[in-house]
Amino acid sequence: MVDIMSTGMIALNREVLSMSSKITISLSSTLITVLDQLACQWATTRSGAVAELLRRIKQEEMEKELAEGYTVLLEVNLKEAEAFLSAQSEVVLHERS
């Protein structure tokens, strides 16, 4: 996991590990195989792979929420721009008269 993370993320990961709690989960043999493959790929433990997966899911959720927020802001800004464009057009036309 260290190989794929920036220095800041390594420090964050160490901080999380120092405050970690032990839990027990049950997984099918298929999921354990997947977890072991990810742990090997990321050069970490099973716990490290689970933590990384959860971090990625949380990051994806946050990015989705941000994208939705930006979409709403875009719609609001477009409506405001259309309203102001109409008002500005009236001022320009009035000044030309």
Foldseek 3Di string as FASTA:
>chain_A
DVVVDDPVVVVVVVVDVVVDDDDDDDDDPVVVVVLVVQCVVVVHDSVVSVVVVVVVVVVVVVVVVVVVVVVVVVVVVVVVVVVVVVVVVVVVVVVVD
